[in-house]
PDB file of N, CA and C in Angstrom:
ATOM      1  N   UNK A   1       0.688  -1.239  -0.439  1.00  0.00           N
ATOM      2  CA  UNK A   1      -0.030   0.474  -0.237  1.00  0.00           C
ATOM      3  C   UNK A   1       1.380   1.111  -0.127  1.00  0.00           C
ATOM      4  N   UNK A   2       2.092   1.250   0.796  1.00  0.00           N
ATOM      5  CA  UNK A   2       2.557   2.569   0.514  1.00  0.00           C
ATOM      6  C   UNK A   2       3.286   3.104  -0.381  1.00  0.00           C
ATOM      7  N   UNK A   3       3.503   1.616  -1.051  1.00  0.00           N
ATOM      8  CA  UNK A   3       3.931   1.928  -3.532  1.00  0.00           C
ATOM      9  C   UNK A   3       3.012   2.763  -3.678  1.00  0.00           C
ATOM     10  N   UNK A   4       1.376   2.151  -3.673  1.00  0.00           N
ATOM     11  CA  UNK A   4       0.513   2.973  -4.565  1.00  0.00           C
ATOM     12  C   UNK A   4       0.169   3.894  -3.730  1.00  0.00           C
ATOM     13  N   UNK A   5       0.241   4.416  -2.444  1.00  0.00           N
ATOM     14  CA  UNK A   5       0.062   5.527  -2.257  1.00  0.00           C
ATOM     15  C   UNK A   5       1.597   6.551  -2.414  1.00  0.00           C
ATOM     16  N   UNK A   6       2.273   5.965  -2.656  1.00  0.00           N
ATOM     17  CA  UNK A   6       3.369   7.361  -3.457  1.00  0.00           C
ATOM     18  C   UNK A   6       3.195   7.165  -4.068  1.00  0.00           C
ATOM     19  N   UNK A   7       2.453   6.848  -5.730  1.00  0.00           N
ATOM     20  CA  UNK A   7       2.799   6.773  -7.574  1.00  0.00           C
ATOM     21  C   UNK A   7       2.042   5.491  -7.754  1.00  0.00           C
ATOM     22  N   UNK A   8       2.767   4.904  -7.667  1.00  0.00           N
ATOM     23  CA  UNK A   8       3.021   3.488  -8.906  1.00  0.00           C
ATOM     24  C   UNK A   8       2.160   2.730  -8.259  1.00  0.00           C
ATOM     25  N   UNK A   9       1.372   3.392  -9.628  1.00  0.00           N
ATOM     26  CA  UNK A   9      -0.097   2.819  -9.650  1.00  0.00           C
ATOM     27  C   UNK A   9      -0.050   1.685 -11.504  1.00  0.00           C
ATOM     28  N   UNK A  10       0.537   1.192 -11.677  1.00  0.00           N
ATOM     29  CA  UNK A  10       0.788   0.268 -12.218  1.00  0.00           C
ATOM     30  C   UNK A  10       1.217  -0.606 -11.291  1.00  0.00           C
ATOM     31  N   UNK A  11       0.898  -2.074 -11.845  1.00  0.00           N
ATOM     32  CA  UNK A  11       1.418  -3.549 -11.102  1.00  0.00           C
ATOM     33  C   UNK A  11       2.776  -3.182 -11.750  1.00  0.00           C
ATOM     34  N   UNK A  12       3.346  -3.034 -12.888  1.00  0.00           N
ATOM     35  CA  UNK A  12       4.788  -2.778 -13.076  1.00  0.00           C
ATOM     36  C   UNK A  12       5.813  -1.664 -12.447  1.00  0.00           C
ATOM     37  N   UNK A  13       5.348  -1.057 -11.978  1.00  0.00           N
ATOM     38  CA  UNK A  13       5.761   0.003 -11.009  1.00  0.00           C
ATOM     39  C   UNK A  13       5.460  -0.966  -9.928  1.00  0.00           C
ATOM     40  N   UNK A  14       5.006  -1.069  -9.263  1.00  0.00           N
ATOM     41  CA  UNK A  14       4.492  -1.577  -7.349  1.00  0.00           C
ATOM     42  C   UNK A  14       5.387  -2.837  -7.901  1.00  0.00           C
ATOM     43  N   UNK A  15       6.119  -3.573  -8.648  1.00  0.00           N
ATOM     44  CA  UNK A  15       6.901  -4.110  -8.618  1.00  0.00           C
ATOM     45  C   UNK A  15       8.373  -3.791  -8.823  1.00  0.00           C
ATOM     46  N   UNK A  16       8.809  -3.133  -8.991  1.00  0.00           N
ATOM     47  CA  UNK A  16       9.566  -2.462  -9.260  1.00  0.00           C
ATOM     48  C   UNK A  16      10.014  -2.064  -7.738  1.00  0.00           C
ATOM     49  N   UNK A  17       8.908  -1.224  -7.476  1.00  0.00           N
ATOM     50  CA  UNK A  17       9.399  -0.566  -5.970  1.00  0.00           C
ATOM     51  C   UNK A  17       9.230  -1.105  -5.192  1.00  0.00           C
ATOM     52  N   UNK A  18       9.113  -2.835  -4.989  1.00  0.00           N
ATOM     53  CA  UNK A  18       9.292  -3.093  -3.970  1.00  0.00           C
ATOM     54  C   UNK A  18      10.090  -4.614  -4.374  1.00  0.00           C
ATOM     55  N   UNK A  19      10.291  -4.230  -5.614  1.00  0.00           N
ATOM     56  CA  UNK A  19      11.302  -5.396  -6.148  1.00  0.00           C
ATOM     57  C   UNK A  19      11.002  -6.886  -6.143  1.00  0.00           C
ATOM     58  N   UNK A  20       9.783  -6.685  -7.155  1.00  0.00           N
ATOM     59  CA  UNK A  20       9.697  -8.361  -7.116  1.00  0.00           C
ATOM     60  C   UNK A  20       8.900  -8.609  -8.886  1.00  0.00           C
ATOM     61  N   UNK A  21       8.868  -9.455  -8.876  1.00  0.00           N
ATOM     62  CA  UNK A  21       7.546  -9.867 -10.121  1.00  0.00           C
ATOM     63  C   UNK A  21       6.903  -9.056 -10.306  1.00  0.00           C
ATOM     64  N   UNK A  22       5.736  -8.742 -11.556  1.00  0.00           N
ATOM     65  CA  UNK A  22       5.528  -8.281 -11.441  1.00  0.00           C
ATOM     66  C   UNK A  22       4.191  -9.535 -11.143  1.00  0.00           C
ATOM     67  N   UNK A  23       4.050 -10.445 -11.761  1.00  0.00           N
ATOM     68  CA  UNK A  23       3.339 -11.857 -11.089  1.00  0.00           C
ATOM     69  C   UNK A  23       2.917 -11.457 -10.106  1.00  0.00           C
ATOM     70  N   UNK A  24       3.855 -11.496  -8.948  1.00  0.00           N
ATOM     71  CA  UNK A  24       3.882 -11.509  -7.477  1.00  0.00           C
ATOM     72  C   UNK A  24       2.751 -10.423  -6.896  1.00  0.00           C
ATOM     73  N   UNK A  25       3.918  -8.776  -8.287  1.00  0.00           N
ATOM     74  CA  UNK A  25       3.054  -7.668  -7.061  1.00  0.00           C
ATOM     75  C   UNK A  25       1.417  -7.928  -7.457  1.00  0.00           C
ATOM     76  N   UNK A  26       1.320  -8.740  -8.612  1.00  0.00           N
ATOM     77  CA  UNK A  26      -0.400  -8.579  -9.073  1.00  0.00           C
ATOM     78  C   UNK A  26      -1.055  -9.383  -7.682  1.00  0.00           C
ATOM     79  N   UNK A  27      -0.642 -10.415  -7.224  1.00  0.00           N
ATOM     80  CA  UNK A  27      -1.242 -11.233  -6.444  1.00  0.00           C
ATOM     81  C   UNK A  27      -1.474  -9.850  -4.434  1.00  0.00           C
ATOM     82  N   UNK A  28      -0.698  -9.853  -4.571  1.00  0.00           N
ATOM     83  CA  UNK A  28      -0.545  -8.411  -4.127  1.00  0.00           C
ATOM     84  C   UNK A  28      -1.820  -7.369  -3.583  1.00  0.00           C
ATOM     85  N   UNK A  29      -1.635  -6.876  -5.297  1.00  0.00           N
ATOM     86  CA  UNK A  29      -3.774  -6.318  -5.263  1.00  0.00           C
ATOM     87  C   UNK A  29      -4.754  -6.559  -4.836  1.00  0.00           C
ATOM     88  N   UNK A  30      -4.590  -7.542  -3.737  1.00  0.00           N
ATOM     89  CA  UNK A  30      -5.529  -8.564  -3.970  1.00  0.00           C
ATOM     90  C   UNK A  30      -6.055  -7.771  -2.621  1.00  0.00           C
ATOM     91  N   UNK A  31      -5.355  -6.934  -1.924  1.00  0.00           N
ATOM     92  CA  UNK A  31      -5.563  -6.200  -1.094  1.00  0.00           C
ATOM     93  C   UNK A  31      -7.333  -5.376  -1.251  1.00  0.00           C
ATOM     94  N   UNK A  32      -7.302  -5.219  -3.318  1.00  0.00           N
ATOM     95  CA  UNK A  32      -8.288  -4.513  -3.614  1.00  0.00           C
ATOM     96  C   UNK A  32      -9.966  -5.972  -2.776  1.00  0.00           C
ATOM     97  N   UNK A  33      -9.782  -6.968  -2.901  1.00  0.00           N
ATOM     98  CA  UNK A  33     -11.156  -7.727  -2.376  1.00  0.00           C
ATOM     99  C   UNK A  33     -11.268  -7.241  -0.817  1.00  0.00           C
ATOM    100  N   UNK A  34     -10.339  -6.731  -0.327  1.00  0.00           N
ATOM    101  CA  UNK A  34     -10.743  -6.711   1.400  1.00  0.00           C
ATOM    102  C   UNK A  34     -11.026  -5.347   1.410  1.00  0.00           C
ATOM    103  N   UNK A  35     -11.127  -3.560   0.153  1.00  0.00           N
ATOM    104  CA  UNK A  35     -11.120  -2.362   0.106  1.00  0.00           C
ATOM    105  C   UNK A  35     -10.511  -2.081   0.579  1.00  0.00           C
ATOM    106  N   UNK A  36      -9.409  -2.177   0.969  1.00  0.00           N
ATOM    107  CA  UNK A  36      -7.872  -1.040   1.339  1.00  0.00           C
ATOM    108  C   UNK A  36      -7.683  -0.209  -0.865  1.00  0.00           C
ATOM    109  N   UNK A  37      -7.862  -1.064  -1.447  1.00  0.00           N
ATOM    110  CA  UNK A  37      -7.033  -0.181  -2.385  1.00  0.00           C
ATOM    111  C   UNK A  37      -8.116  -0.609  -3.685  1.00  0.00           C
ATOM    112  N   UNK A  38      -8.409   0.206  -5.032  1.00  0.00           N
ATOM    113  CA  UNK A  38      -8.880  -0.199  -5.491  1.00  0.00           C
ATOM    114  C   UNK A  38      -8.752   0.196  -7.653  1.00  0.00           C
ATOM    115  N   UNK A  39      -8.790   0.095  -8.425  1.00  0.00           N
ATOM    116  CA  UNK A  39      -8.490  -0.189  -9.667  1.00  0.00           C
ATOM    117  C   UNK A  39      -8.872   0.502 -10.412  1.00  0.00           C
ATOM    118  N   UNK A  40      -8.778   1.965 -10.856  1.00  0.00           N
ATOM    119  CA  UNK A  40      -9.424   2.816 -11.661  1.00  0.00           C
ATOM    120  C   UNK A  40      -8.902   2.454 -13.409  1.00  0.00           C
ATOM    121  N   UNK A  41     -10.159   2.373 -13.691  1.00  0.00           N
ATOM    122  CA  UNK A  41     -10.436   2.324 -14.848  1.00  0.00           C
ATOM    123  C   UNK A  41     -10.460   3.650 -16.607  1.00  0.00           C
ATOM    124  N   UNK A  42     -10.310   4.576 -16.510  1.00  0.00           N
ATOM    125  CA  UNK A  42     -10.141   5.183 -16.853  1.00  0.00           C
ATOM    126  C   UNK A  42     -11.562   4.790 -18.221  1.00  0.00           C
ATOM    127  N   UNK A  43     -12.471   6.990 -18.421  1.00  0.00           N
ATOM    128  CA  UNK A  43     -12.817   6.811 -19.322  1.00  0.00           C
ATOM    129  C   UNK A  43     -13.275   6.524 -20.319  1.00  0.00           C
ATOM    130  N   UNK A  44     -11.460   7.965 -20.871  1.00  0.00           N
ATOM    131  CA  UNK A  44     -10.637   8.049 -21.500  1.00  0.00           C
ATOM    132  C   UNK A  44      -9.249   8.121 -22.221  1.00  0.00           C
ATOM    133  N   UNK A  45      -8.681   7.019 -22.999  1.00  0.00           N
ATOM    134  CA  UNK A  45      -7.524   7.030 -22.795  1.00  0.00           C
ATOM    135  C   UNK A  45      -6.948   8.246 -23.449  1.00  0.00           C
ATOM    136  N   UNK A  46      -5.391   8.547 -22.435  1.00  0.00           N
ATOM    137  CA  UNK A  46      -5.171   9.516 -22.138  1.00  0.00           C
ATOM    138  C   UNK A  46      -4.039  10.272 -23.360  1.00  0.00           C
ATOM    139  N   UNK A  47      -3.459  10.626 -23.630  1.00  0.00           N
ATOM    140  CA  UNK A  47      -2.820  11.139 -24.554  1.00  0.00           C
ATOM    141  C   UNK A  47      -2.642  10.792 -26.360  1.00  0.00           C
ATOM    142  N   UNK A  48      -3.594  10.567 -26.597  1.00  0.00           N
ATOM    143  CA  UNK A  48      -4.650   9.588 -27.768  1.00  0.00           C
ATOM    144  C   UNK A  48      -3.718   7.590 -27.544  1.00  0.00           C
ATOM    145  N   UNK A  49      -3.252   7.478 -26.519  1.00  0.00           N
ATOM    146  CA  UNK A  49      -2.678   5.776 -26.398  1.00  0.00           C
ATOM    147  C   UNK A  49      -4.361   5.587 -25.695  1.00  0.00           C
ATOM    148  N   UNK A  50      -3.940   4.252 -26.105  1.00  0.00           N
ATOM    149  CA  UNK A  50      -5.088   3.877 -24.882  1.00  0.00           C
ATOM    150  C   UNK A  50      -5.230   3.574 -23.492  1.00  0.00           C
ATOM    151  N   UNK A  51      -6.398   3.731 -22.820  1.00  0.00           N
ATOM    152  CA  UNK A  51      -7.021   3.803 -21.487  1.00  0.00           C
ATOM    153  C   UNK A  51      -6.508   2.957 -20.535  1.00  0.00           C
ATOM    154  N   UNK A  52      -5.437   3.274 -19.528  1.00  0.00           N
ATOM    155  CA  UNK A  52      -4.878   2.513 -18.827  1.00  0.00           C
ATOM    156  C   UNK A  52      -5.268   1.969 -17.811  1.00  0.00           C
ATOM    157  N   UNK A  53      -5.357   0.962 -16.604  1.00  0.00           N
ATOM    158  CA  UNK A  53      -5.995   1.104 -15.662  1.00  0.00           C
ATOM    159  C   UNK A  53      -4.789   1.986 -14.021  1.00  0.00           C
ATOM    160  N   UNK A  54      -5.390   2.137 -12.753  1.00  0.00           N
ATOM    161  CA  UNK A  54      -3.686   2.952 -12.031  1.00  0.00           C
ATOM    162  C   UNK A  54      -4.909   1.699 -11.419  1.00  0.00           C
ATOM    163  N   UNK A  55      -3.985   1.727  -9.766  1.00  0.00           N
ATOM    164  CA  UNK A  55      -4.573   1.087  -8.141  1.00  0.00           C
ATOM    165  C   UNK A  55      -4.139   2.489  -7.914  1.00  0.00           C
ATOM    166  N   UNK A  56      -5.107   2.655  -6.387  1.00  0.00           N
ATOM    167  CA  UNK A  56      -4.838   3.635  -6.098  1.00  0.00           C
ATOM    168  C   UNK A  56      -5.236   3.484  -4.815  1.00  0.00           C
ATOM    169  N   UNK A  57      -5.182   3.823  -3.293  1.00  0.00           N
ATOM    170  CA  UNK A  57      -5.801   3.533  -1.904  1.00  0.00           C
ATOM    171  C   UNK A  57      -6.731   4.169  -2.156  1.00  0.00           C
ATOM    172  N   UNK A  58      -7.999   3.098  -1.256  1.00  0.00           N
ATOM    173  CA  UNK A  58      -9.421   3.575  -1.287  1.00  0.00           C
ATOM    174  C   UNK A  58      -9.654   4.453   0.222  1.00  0.00           C
ATOM    175  N   UNK A  59      -8.859   4.210   0.739  1.00  0.00           N
ATOM    176  CA  UNK A  59      -9.359   4.375   2.429  1.00  0.00           C
ATOM    177  C   UNK A  59      -8.553   5.647   2.299  1.00  0.00           C
ATOM    178  N   UNK A  60      -8.887   7.024   2.754  1.00  0.00           N
ATOM    179  CA  UNK A  60      -8.289   8.509   2.381  1.00  0.00           C
ATOM    180  C   UNK A  60      -6.818   8.184   4.172  1.00  0.00           C
ATOM    181  N   UNK A  61      -7.943   7.202   5.032  1.00  0.00           N
ATOM    182  CA  UNK A  61      -6.608   7.367   6.442  1.00  0.00           C
ATOM    183  C   UNK A  61      -5.392   6.581   5.709  1.00  0.00           C
ATOM    184  N   UNK A  62      -5.800   5.347   5.141  1.00  0.00           N
ATOM    185  CA  UNK A  62      -3.904   4.581   4.689  1.00  0.00           C
ATOM    186  C   UNK A  62      -3.173   5.287   4.368  1.00  0.00           C
ATOM    187  N   UNK A  63      -3.839   5.757   2.890  1.00  0.00           N
ATOM    188  CA  UNK A  63      -3.388   6.467   1.685  1.00  0.00           C
ATOM    189  C   UNK A  63      -2.554   8.245   2.300  1.00  0.00           C
ATOM    190  N   UNK A  64      -3.345   8.849   3.564  1.00  0.00           N
ATOM    191  CA  UNK A  64      -1.999   9.329   4.442  1.00  0.00           C
ATOM    192  C   UNK A  64      -1.091   8.749   4.972  1.00  0.00           C
ATOM    193  N   UNK A  65      -1.511   7.379   5.889  1.00  0.00           N
ATOM    194  CA  UNK A  65      -0.767   7.340   6.483  1.00  0.00           C
ATOM    195  C   UNK A  65       0.519   6.512   6.004  1.00  0.00           C
ATOM    196  N   UNK A  66       0.422   5.968   4.783  1.00  0.00           N
ATOM    197  CA  UNK A  66       1.140   4.962   3.963  1.00  0.00           C
ATOM    198  C   UNK A  66       2.100   6.141   2.957  1.00  0.00           C
ATOM    199  N   UNK A  67       1.392   7.237   2.320  1.00  0.00           N
ATOM    200  CA  UNK A  67       2.265   8.136   1.953  1.00  0.00           C
ATOM    201  C   UNK A  67       2.855   9.221   2.507  1.00  0.00           C
ATOM    202  N   UNK A  68       2.410   9.874   3.192  1.00  0.00           N
ATOM    203  CA  UNK A  68       3.418  10.773   4.681  1.00  0.00           C
ATOM    204  C   UNK A  68       3.193  10.515   6.038  1.00  0.00           C
ATOM    205  N   UNK A  69       3.156   9.567   6.592  1.00  0.00           N
ATOM    206  CA  UNK A  69       3.378   9.066   8.194  1.00  0.00           C
ATOM    207  C   UNK A  69       4.293   8.117   8.116  1.00  0.00           C
ATOM    208  N   UNK A  70       3.948   6.991   7.505  1.00  0.00           N
ATOM    209  CA  UNK A  70       5.372   5.905   6.965  1.00  0.00           C
ATOM    210  C   UNK A  70       6.078   6.039   6.686  1.00  0.00           C
ATOM    211  N   UNK A  71       6.670   7.178   5.112  1.00  0.00           N
ATOM    212  CA  UNK A  71       7.929   6.813   5.458  1.00  0.00           C
ATOM    213  C   UNK A  71       8.314   7.903   6.567  1.00  0.00           C
ATOM    214  N   UNK A  72       8.494   8.388   7.009  1.00  0.00           N
ATOM    215  CA  UNK A  72       8.864   9.894   7.329  1.00  0.00           C
ATOM    216  C   UNK A  72       8.336   9.459   9.303  1.00  0.00           C
ATOM    217  N   UNK A  73       8.381   8.093   9.498  1.00  0.00           N
ATOM    218  CA  UNK A  73       8.056   8.043  10.562  1.00  0.00           C
ATOM    219  C   UNK A  73       8.729   8.167  12.031  1.00  0.00           C
ATOM    220  N   UNK A  74      10.699   7.038  11.406  1.00  0.00           N
ATOM    221  CA  UNK A  74      12.033   8.118  11.863  1.00  0.00           C
ATOM    222  C   UNK A  74      11.909  10.095  12.854  1.00  0.00           C
ATOM    223  N   UNK A  75      11.434  10.125  11.362  1.00  0.00           N
ATOM    224  CA  UNK A  75      11.561  11.919  11.638  1.00  0.00           C
ATOM    225  C   UNK A  75      10.795  12.564  12.881  1.00  0.00           C
ATOM    226  N   UNK A  76       8.973  12.538  12.534  1.00  0.00           N
ATOM    227  CA  UNK A  76       8.581  12.222  13.618  1.00  0.00           C
ATOM    228  C   UNK A  76       9.127  11.456  14.847  1.00  0.00           C
ATOM    229  N   UNK A  77       9.186  10.617  15.816  1.00  0.00           N
ATOM    230  CA  UNK A  77       9.548  10.332  16.526  1.00  0.00           C
ATOM    231  C   UNK A  77      10.582  10.769  17.138  1.00  0.00           C
ATOM    232  N   UNK A  78      11.218  11.209  16.406  1.00  0.00           N
ATOM    233  CA  UNK A  78      12.292  12.641  16.782  1.00  0.00           C
ATOM    234  C   UNK A  78      12.271  13.951  17.209  1.00  0.00           C
ATOM    235  N   UNK A  79      10.770  13.970  17.106  1.00  0.00           N
ATOM    236  CA  UNK A  79       9.942  14.842  17.387  1.00  0.00           C
ATOM    237  C   UNK A  79      10.152  16.283  16.654  1.00  0.00           C
ATOM    238  N   UNK A  80      10.371  15.946  14.686  1.00  0.00           N
ATOM    239  CA  UNK A  80      10.416  16.577  13.665  1.00  0.00           C
ATOM    240  C   UNK A  80       8.947  16.879  13.066  1.00  0.00           C
ATOM    241  N   UNK A  81       8.134  17.246  13.966  1.00  0.00           N
ATOM    242  CA  UNK A  81       6.717  17.289  13.452  1.00  0.00           C
ATOM    243  C   UNK A  81       6.756  18.061  12.286  1.00  0.00           C
ATOM    244  N   UNK A  82       7.076  19.709  12.501  1.00  0.00           N
ATOM    245  CA  UNK A  82       6.662  20.668  12.052  1.00  0.00           C
ATOM    246  C   UNK A  82       7.751  20.465  10.627  1.00  0.00           C
ATOM    247  N   UNK A  83       8.591  20.281   9.899  1.00  0.00           N
ATOM    248  CA  UNK A  83       9.178  20.127   9.801  1.00  0.00           C
ATOM    249  C   UNK A  83       7.882  19.448   8.352  1.00  0.00           C
ATOM    250  N   UNK A  84       7.841  17.741   8.615  1.00  0.00           N
ATOM    251  CA  UNK A  84       7.063  16.703   8.483  1.00  0.00           C
ATOM    252  C   UNK A  84       5.993  17.503   7.945  1.00  0.00           C
ATOM    253  N   UNK A  85       5.314  18.404   9.210  1.00  0.00           N
ATOM    254  CA  UNK A  85       4.211  18.990   8.566  1.00  0.00           C
ATOM    255  C   UNK A  85       4.281  20.315   7.425  1.00  0.00           C
ATOM    256  N   UNK A  86       4.676  20.735   6.997  1.00  0.00           N
ATOM    257  CA  UNK A  86       5.688  21.398   6.092  1.00  0.00           C
ATOM    258  C   UNK A  86       5.531  20.914   4.836  1.00  0.00           C
ATOM    259  N   UNK A  87       6.043  19.577   4.720  1.00  0.00           N
ATOM    260  CA  UNK A  87       6.673  19.816   3.466  1.00  0.00           C
ATOM    261  C   UNK A  87       5.541  18.324   2.700  1.00  0.00           C
ATOM    262  N   UNK A  88       4.020  17.516   3.771  1.00  0.00           N
ATOM    263  CA  UNK A  88       2.994  17.493   3.387  1.00  0.00           C
ATOM    264  C   UNK A  88       2.251  18.921   3.020  1.00  0.00           C
TER     265      UNK A  88
END
């Protein structure tokens, strides 16, 4: 979920971020069955190409946690809350 929350939205990019195979990343996307992530199907193709589906974290709490808090937990634990807040 961290990879998706940080902008890696297609299975290949997610697999690259996690350093696993694309097939294994697809299995992790079973989080959709639990309602934590969702697959978004665009209505129109972008830039004249084919419309490509992408993944996003569907729960706003998890999106904020994995997108901002989780990657900054060491700074937050050292009391650098204002610094992290300014970046967010």
